[in-house]
Amino acid sequence: MDTYSFLRELADSWALLALTLVFLGVILWALRPGSNAIHRDAANAIFRNEQQPAGSDKDLRPVKEA
């Protein structure tokens, strides 16, 4: 068996299996019990320092374009 055929067979079988297992592991890790609070905190992080709603567009000064 030459090198190309061996590597092709390896990639077709074991590499595909390994990548599938890594994918499933990442999905299960993200959906694990107890991670809901961590994901909620990460999702709301951009709003953490916001004290008031954003103003309307008419509050902004007009910008001159070239």
PDB file of N, CA and C in Angstrom:
ATOM      1  N   MET A   1       0.859  -1.168   0.000  1.00  0.00           N
ATOM      2  CA  MET A   1       0.000   0.000   0.000  1.00  0.00           C
ATOM      3  C   MET A   1       0.909   1.236   0.000  1.00  0.00           C
ATOM      4  N   ASP A   2       0.684   2.115  -0.943  1.00  0.00           N
ATOM      5  CA  ASP A   2       1.522   3.314  -0.989  1.00  0.00           C
ATOM      6  C   ASP A   2       1.024   4.350   0.017  1.00  0.00           C
ATOM      7  N   THR A   3       1.805   5.384   0.184  1.00  0.00           N
ATOM      8  CA  THR A   3       1.539   6.386   1.227  1.00  0.00           C
ATOM      9  C   THR A   3       0.216   7.104   1.006  1.00  0.00           C
ATOM     10  N   TYR A   4      -0.071   7.475  -0.236  1.00  0.00           N
ATOM     11  CA  TYR A   4      -1.304   8.206  -0.522  1.00  0.00           C
ATOM     12  C   TYR A   4      -2.531   7.384  -0.147  1.00  0.00           C
ATOM     13  N   SER A   5      -2.552   6.131  -0.521  1.00  0.00           N
ATOM     14  CA  SER A   5      -3.706   5.276  -0.217  1.00  0.00           C
ATOM     15  C   SER A   5      -3.886   5.102   1.286  1.00  0.00           C
ATOM     16  N   PHE A   6      -2.771   4.945   1.987  1.00  0.00           N
ATOM     17  CA  PHE A   6      -2.847   4.798   3.437  1.00  0.00           C
ATOM     18  C   PHE A   6      -3.405   6.060   4.089  1.00  0.00           C
ATOM     19  N   LEU A   7      -2.879   7.223   3.694  1.00  0.00           N
ATOM     20  CA  LEU A   7      -3.364   8.477   4.273  1.00  0.00           C
ATOM     21  C   LEU A   7      -4.812   8.744   3.896  1.00  0.00           C
ATOM     22  N   ARG A   8      -5.195   8.389   2.691  1.00  0.00           N
ATOM     23  CA  ARG A   8      -6.576   8.575   2.252  1.00  0.00           C
ATOM     24  C   ARG A   8      -7.523   7.706   3.081  1.00  0.00           C
ATOM     25  N   GLU A   9      -7.145   6.469   3.299  1.00  0.00           N
ATOM     26  CA  GLU A   9      -7.969   5.569   4.109  1.00  0.00           C
ATOM     27  C   GLU A   9      -8.050   6.053   5.553  1.00  0.00           C
ATOM     28  N   LEU A  10      -6.931   6.535   6.081  1.00  0.00           N
ATOM     29  CA  LEU A  10      -6.902   7.068   7.440  1.00  0.00           C
ATOM     30  C   LEU A  10      -7.824   8.278   7.567  1.00  0.00           C
ATOM     31  N   ALA A  11      -7.766   9.179   6.601  1.00  0.00           N
ATOM     32  CA  ALA A  11      -8.607  10.374   6.641  1.00  0.00           C
ATOM     33  C   ALA A  11     -10.076  10.024   6.464  1.00  0.00           C
ATOM     34  N   ASP A  12     -10.369   9.059   5.624  1.00  0.00           N
ATOM     35  CA  ASP A  12     -11.763   8.680   5.383  1.00  0.00           C
ATOM     36  C   ASP A  12     -12.409   8.017   6.587  1.00  0.00           C
ATOM     37  N   SER A  13     -11.645   7.305   7.371  1.00  0.00           N
ATOM     38  CA  SER A  13     -12.257   6.555   8.464  1.00  0.00           C
ATOM     39  C   SER A  13     -11.990   7.180   9.825  1.00  0.00           C
ATOM     40  N   TRP A  14     -10.749   7.161  10.271  1.00  0.00           N
ATOM     41  CA  TRP A  14     -10.440   7.561  11.638  1.00  0.00           C
ATOM     42  C   TRP A  14     -10.518   9.065  11.851  1.00  0.00           C
ATOM     43  N   ALA A  15     -10.088   9.848  10.884  1.00  0.00           N
ATOM     44  CA  ALA A  15     -10.152  11.305  11.045  1.00  0.00           C
ATOM     45  C   ALA A  15     -11.604  11.769  11.075  1.00  0.00           C
ATOM     46  N   LEU A  16     -12.439  11.169  10.241  1.00  0.00           N
ATOM     47  CA  LEU A  16     -13.857  11.518  10.256  1.00  0.00           C
ATOM     48  C   LEU A  16     -14.491  11.137  11.588  1.00  0.00           C
ATOM     49  N   LEU A  17     -14.151   9.995  12.098  1.00  0.00           N
ATOM     50  CA  LEU A  17     -14.663   9.575  13.398  1.00  0.00           C
ATOM     51  C   LEU A  17     -14.187  10.512  14.502  1.00  0.00           C
ATOM     52  N   ALA A  18     -12.913  10.892  14.469  1.00  0.00           N
ATOM     53  CA  ALA A  18     -12.368  11.787  15.493  1.00  0.00           C
ATOM     54  C   ALA A  18     -13.038  13.156  15.441  1.00  0.00           C
ATOM     55  N   LEU A  19     -13.218  13.710  14.256  1.00  0.00           N
ATOM     56  CA  LEU A  19     -13.865  15.016  14.128  1.00  0.00           C
ATOM     57  C   LEU A  19     -15.325  14.964  14.570  1.00  0.00           C
ATOM     58  N   THR A  20     -15.999  13.869  14.285  1.00  0.00           N
ATOM     59  CA  THR A  20     -17.382  13.715  14.730  1.00  0.00           C
ATOM     60  C   THR A  20     -17.455  13.653  16.251  1.00  0.00           C
ATOM     61  N   LEU A  21     -16.539  12.937  16.866  1.00  0.00           N
ATOM     62  CA  LEU A  21     -16.522  12.853  18.329  1.00  0.00           C
ATOM     63  C   LEU A  21     -16.185  14.194  18.965  1.00  0.00           C
ATOM     64  N   VAL A  22     -15.276  14.951  18.372  1.00  0.00           N
ATOM     65  CA  VAL A  22     -14.958  16.288  18.887  1.00  0.00           C
ATOM     66  C   VAL A  22     -16.175  17.193  18.771  1.00  0.00           C
ATOM     67  N   PHE A  23     -16.857  17.154  17.642  1.00  0.00           N
ATOM     68  CA  PHE A  23     -18.060  17.961  17.449  1.00  0.00           C
ATOM     69  C   PHE A  23     -19.119  17.624  18.491  1.00  0.00           C
ATOM     70  N   LEU A  24     -19.387  16.356  18.691  1.00  0.00           N
ATOM     71  CA  LEU A  24     -20.386  15.948  19.679  1.00  0.00           C
ATOM     72  C   LEU A  24     -19.950  16.322  21.090  1.00  0.00           C
ATOM     73  N   GLY A  25     -18.665  16.231  21.372  1.00  0.00           N
ATOM     74  CA  GLY A  25     -18.160  16.630  22.681  1.00  0.00           C
ATOM     75  C   GLY A  25     -18.361  18.109  22.947  1.00  0.00           C
ATOM     76  N   VAL A  26     -18.114  18.943  21.955  1.00  0.00           N
ATOM     77  CA  VAL A  26     -18.315  20.390  22.120  1.00  0.00           C
ATOM     78  C   VAL A  26     -19.788  20.705  22.330  1.00  0.00           C
ATOM     79  N   ILE A  27     -20.661  20.062  21.582  1.00  0.00           N
ATOM     80  CA  ILE A  27     -22.104  20.282  21.741  1.00  0.00           C
ATOM     81  C   ILE A  27     -22.555  19.849  23.134  1.00  0.00           C
ATOM     82  N   LEU A  28     -22.129  18.686  23.579  1.00  0.00           N
ATOM     83  CA  LEU A  28     -22.521  18.216  24.911  1.00  0.00           C
ATOM     84  C   LEU A  28     -21.937  19.093  26.010  1.00  0.00           C
ATOM     85  N   TRP A  29     -20.721  19.600  25.810  1.00  0.00           N
ATOM     86  CA  TRP A  29     -20.108  20.485  26.806  1.00  0.00           C
ATOM     87  C   TRP A  29     -20.884  21.800  26.904  1.00  0.00           C
ATOM     88  N   ALA A  30     -21.334  22.333  25.783  1.00  0.00           N
ATOM     89  CA  ALA A  30     -22.080  23.592  25.803  1.00  0.00           C
ATOM     90  C   ALA A  30     -23.457  23.414  26.431  1.00  0.00           C
ATOM     91  N   LEU A  31     -24.049  22.249  26.291  1.00  0.00           N
ATOM     92  CA  LEU A  31     -25.396  22.000  26.811  1.00  0.00           C
ATOM     93  C   LEU A  31     -25.387  21.252  28.141  1.00  0.00           C
ATOM     94  N   ARG A  32     -24.240  21.190  28.799  1.00  0.00           N
ATOM     95  CA  ARG A  32     -24.146  20.437  30.050  1.00  0.00           C
ATOM     96  C   ARG A  32     -25.002  21.086  31.142  1.00  0.00           C
ATOM     97  N   PRO A  33     -25.468  20.311  32.095  1.00  0.00           N
ATOM     98  CA  PRO A  33     -26.244  20.881  33.199  1.00  0.00           C
ATOM     99  C   PRO A  33     -25.395  21.867  33.997  1.00  0.00           C
ATOM    100  N   GLY A  34     -25.994  22.969  34.371  1.00  0.00           N
ATOM    101  CA  GLY A  34     -25.295  23.966  35.161  1.00  0.00           C
ATOM    102  C   GLY A  34     -24.625  25.058  34.351  1.00  0.00           C
ATOM    103  N   SER A  35     -24.615  24.940  33.037  1.00  0.00           N
ATOM    104  CA  SER A  35     -23.950  25.960  32.231  1.00  0.00           C
ATOM    105  C   SER A  35     -24.904  27.066  31.797  1.00  0.00           C
ATOM    106  N   ASN A  36     -26.166  26.950  32.150  1.00  0.00           N
ATOM    107  CA  ASN A  36     -27.147  27.954  31.737  1.00  0.00           C
ATOM    108  C   ASN A  36     -26.796  29.337  32.277  1.00  0.00           C
ATOM    109  N   ALA A  37     -26.378  29.419  33.521  1.00  0.00           N
ATOM    110  CA  ALA A  37     -26.042  30.718  34.111  1.00  0.00           C
ATOM    111  C   ALA A  37     -24.830  31.340  33.421  1.00  0.00           C
ATOM    112  N   ILE A  38     -23.857  30.538  33.070  1.00  0.00           N
ATOM    113  CA  ILE A  38     -22.662  31.046  32.390  1.00  0.00           C
ATOM    114  C   ILE A  38     -23.027  31.591  31.017  1.00  0.00           C
ATOM    115  N   HIS A  39     -23.861  30.860  30.282  1.00  0.00           N
ATOM    116  CA  HIS A  39     -24.251  31.309  28.947  1.00  0.00           C
ATOM    117  C   HIS A  39     -25.137  32.549  29.022  1.00  0.00           C
ATOM    118  N   ARG A  40     -26.010  32.621  30.008  1.00  0.00           N
ATOM    119  CA  ARG A  40     -26.859  33.801  30.171  1.00  0.00           C
ATOM    120  C   ARG A  40     -26.007  35.026  30.501  1.00  0.00           C
ATOM    121  N   ASP A  41     -25.012  34.858  31.363  1.00  0.00           N
ATOM    122  CA  ASP A  41     -24.121  35.962  31.710  1.00  0.00           C
ATOM    123  C   ASP A  41     -23.328  36.436  30.490  1.00  0.00           C
ATOM    124  N   ALA A  42     -22.848  35.517  29.682  1.00  0.00           N
ATOM    125  CA  ALA A  42     -22.102  35.890  28.479  1.00  0.00           C
ATOM    126  C   ALA A  42     -23.003  36.598  27.471  1.00  0.00           C
ATOM    127  N   ALA A  43     -24.249  36.166  27.357  1.00  0.00           N
ATOM    128  CA  ALA A  43     -25.170  36.794  26.411  1.00  0.00           C
ATOM    129  C   ALA A  43     -25.543  38.206  26.834  1.00  0.00           C
ATOM    130  N   ASN A  44     -25.613  38.461  28.132  1.00  0.00           N
ATOM    131  CA  ASN A  44     -26.011  39.778  28.624  1.00  0.00           C
ATOM    132  C   ASN A  44     -24.827  40.676  28.951  1.00  0.00           C
ATOM    133  N   ALA A  45     -23.612  40.256  28.676  1.00  0.00           N
ATOM    134  CA  ALA A  45     -22.424  41.037  29.028  1.00  0.00           C
ATOM    135  C   ALA A  45     -22.387  42.381  28.314  1.00  0.00           C
ATOM    136  N   ILE A  46     -22.900  42.457  27.099  1.00  0.00           N
ATOM    137  CA  ILE A  46     -22.846  43.724  26.369  1.00  0.00           C
ATOM    138  C   ILE A  46     -23.804  44.753  26.948  1.00  0.00           C
ATOM    139  N   PHE A  47     -24.772  44.337  27.730  1.00  0.00           N
ATOM    140  CA  PHE A  47     -25.741  45.254  28.330  1.00  0.00           C
ATOM    141  C   PHE A  47     -25.403  45.589  29.779  1.00  0.00           C
ATOM    142  N   ARG A  48     -24.322  45.081  30.298  1.00  0.00           N
ATOM    143  CA  ARG A  48     -24.014  45.183  31.717  1.00  0.00           C
ATOM    144  C   ARG A  48     -23.860  46.625  32.194  1.00  0.00           C
ATOM    145  N   ASN A  49     -23.208  47.495  31.437  1.00  0.00           N
ATOM    146  CA  ASN A  49     -22.943  48.861  31.873  1.00  0.00           C
ATOM    147  C   ASN A  49     -23.918  49.876  31.282  1.00  0.00           C
ATOM    148  N   GLU A  50     -24.999  49.425  30.718  1.00  0.00           N
ATOM    149  CA  GLU A  50     -25.962  50.323  30.098  1.00  0.00           C
ATOM    150  C   GLU A  50     -26.929  50.835  31.166  1.00  0.00           C
ATOM    151  N   GLN A  51     -27.004  52.159  31.332  1.00  0.00           N
ATOM    152  CA  GLN A  51     -27.840  52.756  32.368  1.00  0.00           C
ATOM    153  C   GLN A  51     -29.180  53.246  31.842  1.00  0.00           C
ATOM    154  N   GLN A  52     -29.256  53.569  30.564  1.00  0.00           N
ATOM    155  CA  GLN A  52     -30.493  54.112  30.002  1.00  0.00           C
ATOM    156  C   GLN A  52     -30.630  53.635  28.564  1.00  0.00           C
ATOM    157  N   PRO A  53     -31.840  53.748  28.021  1.00  0.00           N
ATOM    158  CA  PRO A  53     -32.019  53.343  26.629  1.00  0.00           C
ATOM    159  C   PRO A  53     -31.285  54.295  25.687  1.00  0.00           C
ATOM    160  N   ALA A  54     -30.980  53.822  24.537  1.00  0.00           N
ATOM    161  CA  ALA A  54     -30.309  54.658  23.546  1.00  0.00           C
ATOM    162  C   ALA A  54     -31.247  55.774  23.107  1.00  0.00           C
ATOM    163  N   GLY A  55     -30.674  56.945  22.816  1.00  0.00           N
ATOM    164  CA  GLY A  55     -31.462  58.078  22.354  1.00  0.00           C
ATOM    165  C   GLY A  55     -31.940  57.871  20.931  1.00  0.00           C
ATOM    166  N   SER A  56     -32.850  58.730  20.523  1.00  0.00           N
ATOM    167  CA  SER A  56     -33.350  58.620  19.158  1.00  0.00           C
ATOM    168  C   SER A  56     -32.332  59.211  18.187  1.00  0.00           C
ATOM    169  N   ASP A  57     -32.554  59.007  16.909  1.00  0.00           N
ATOM    170  CA  ASP A  57     -31.625  59.493  15.895  1.00  0.00           C
ATOM    171  C   ASP A  57     -31.599  61.016  15.815  1.00  0.00           C
ATOM    172  N   LYS A  58     -32.679  61.690  16.198  1.00  0.00           N
ATOM    173  CA  LYS A  58     -32.694  63.148  16.085  1.00  0.00           C
ATOM    174  C   LYS A  58     -31.837  63.812  17.167  1.00  0.00           C
ATOM    175  N   ASP A  59     -31.397  63.074  18.168  1.00  0.00           N
ATOM    176  CA  ASP A  59     -30.504  63.625  19.183  1.00  0.00           C
ATOM    177  C   ASP A  59     -29.084  63.816  18.649  1.00  0.00           C
ATOM    178  N   LEU A  60     -28.753  63.128  17.573  1.00  0.00           N
ATOM    179  CA  LEU A  60     -27.410  63.197  17.022  1.00  0.00           C
ATOM    180  C   LEU A  60     -27.275  64.395  16.095  1.00  0.00           C
ATOM    181  N   ARG A  61     -26.100  65.007  16.113  1.00  0.00           N
ATOM    182  CA  ARG A  61     -25.843  66.105  15.190  1.00  0.00           C
ATOM    183  C   ARG A  61     -25.662  65.537  13.795  1.00  0.00           C
ATOM    184  N   PRO A  62     -26.112  66.264  12.785  1.00  0.00           N
ATOM    185  CA  PRO A  62     -25.917  65.764  11.418  1.00  0.00           C
ATOM    186  C   PRO A  62     -24.432  65.736  11.060  1.00  0.00           C
ATOM    187  N   VAL A  63     -24.054  64.739  10.349  1.00  0.00           N
ATOM    188  CA  VAL A  63     -22.665  64.568   9.949  1.00  0.00           C
ATOM    189  C   VAL A  63     -22.538  64.962   8.489  1.00  0.00           C
ATOM    190  N   LYS A  64     -21.574  65.832   8.205  1.00  0.00           N
ATOM    191  CA  LYS A  64     -21.347  66.234   6.818  1.00  0.00           C
ATOM    192  C   LYS A  64     -20.524  65.156   6.134  1.00  0.00           C
ATOM    193  N   GLU A  65     -20.995  64.762   4.981  1.00  0.00           N
ATOM    194  CA  GLU A  65     -20.274  63.763   4.211  1.00  0.00           C
ATOM    195  C   GLU A  65     -19.534  64.439   3.076  1.00  0.00           C
ATOM    196  N   ALA A  66     -18.454  63.869   2.661  1.00  0.00           N
ATOM    197  CA  ALA A  66     -17.650  64.463   1.588  1.00  0.00           C
ATOM    198  C   ALA A  66     -18.331  64.327   0.254  1.00  0.00           C
TER     199      ALA A  66
END
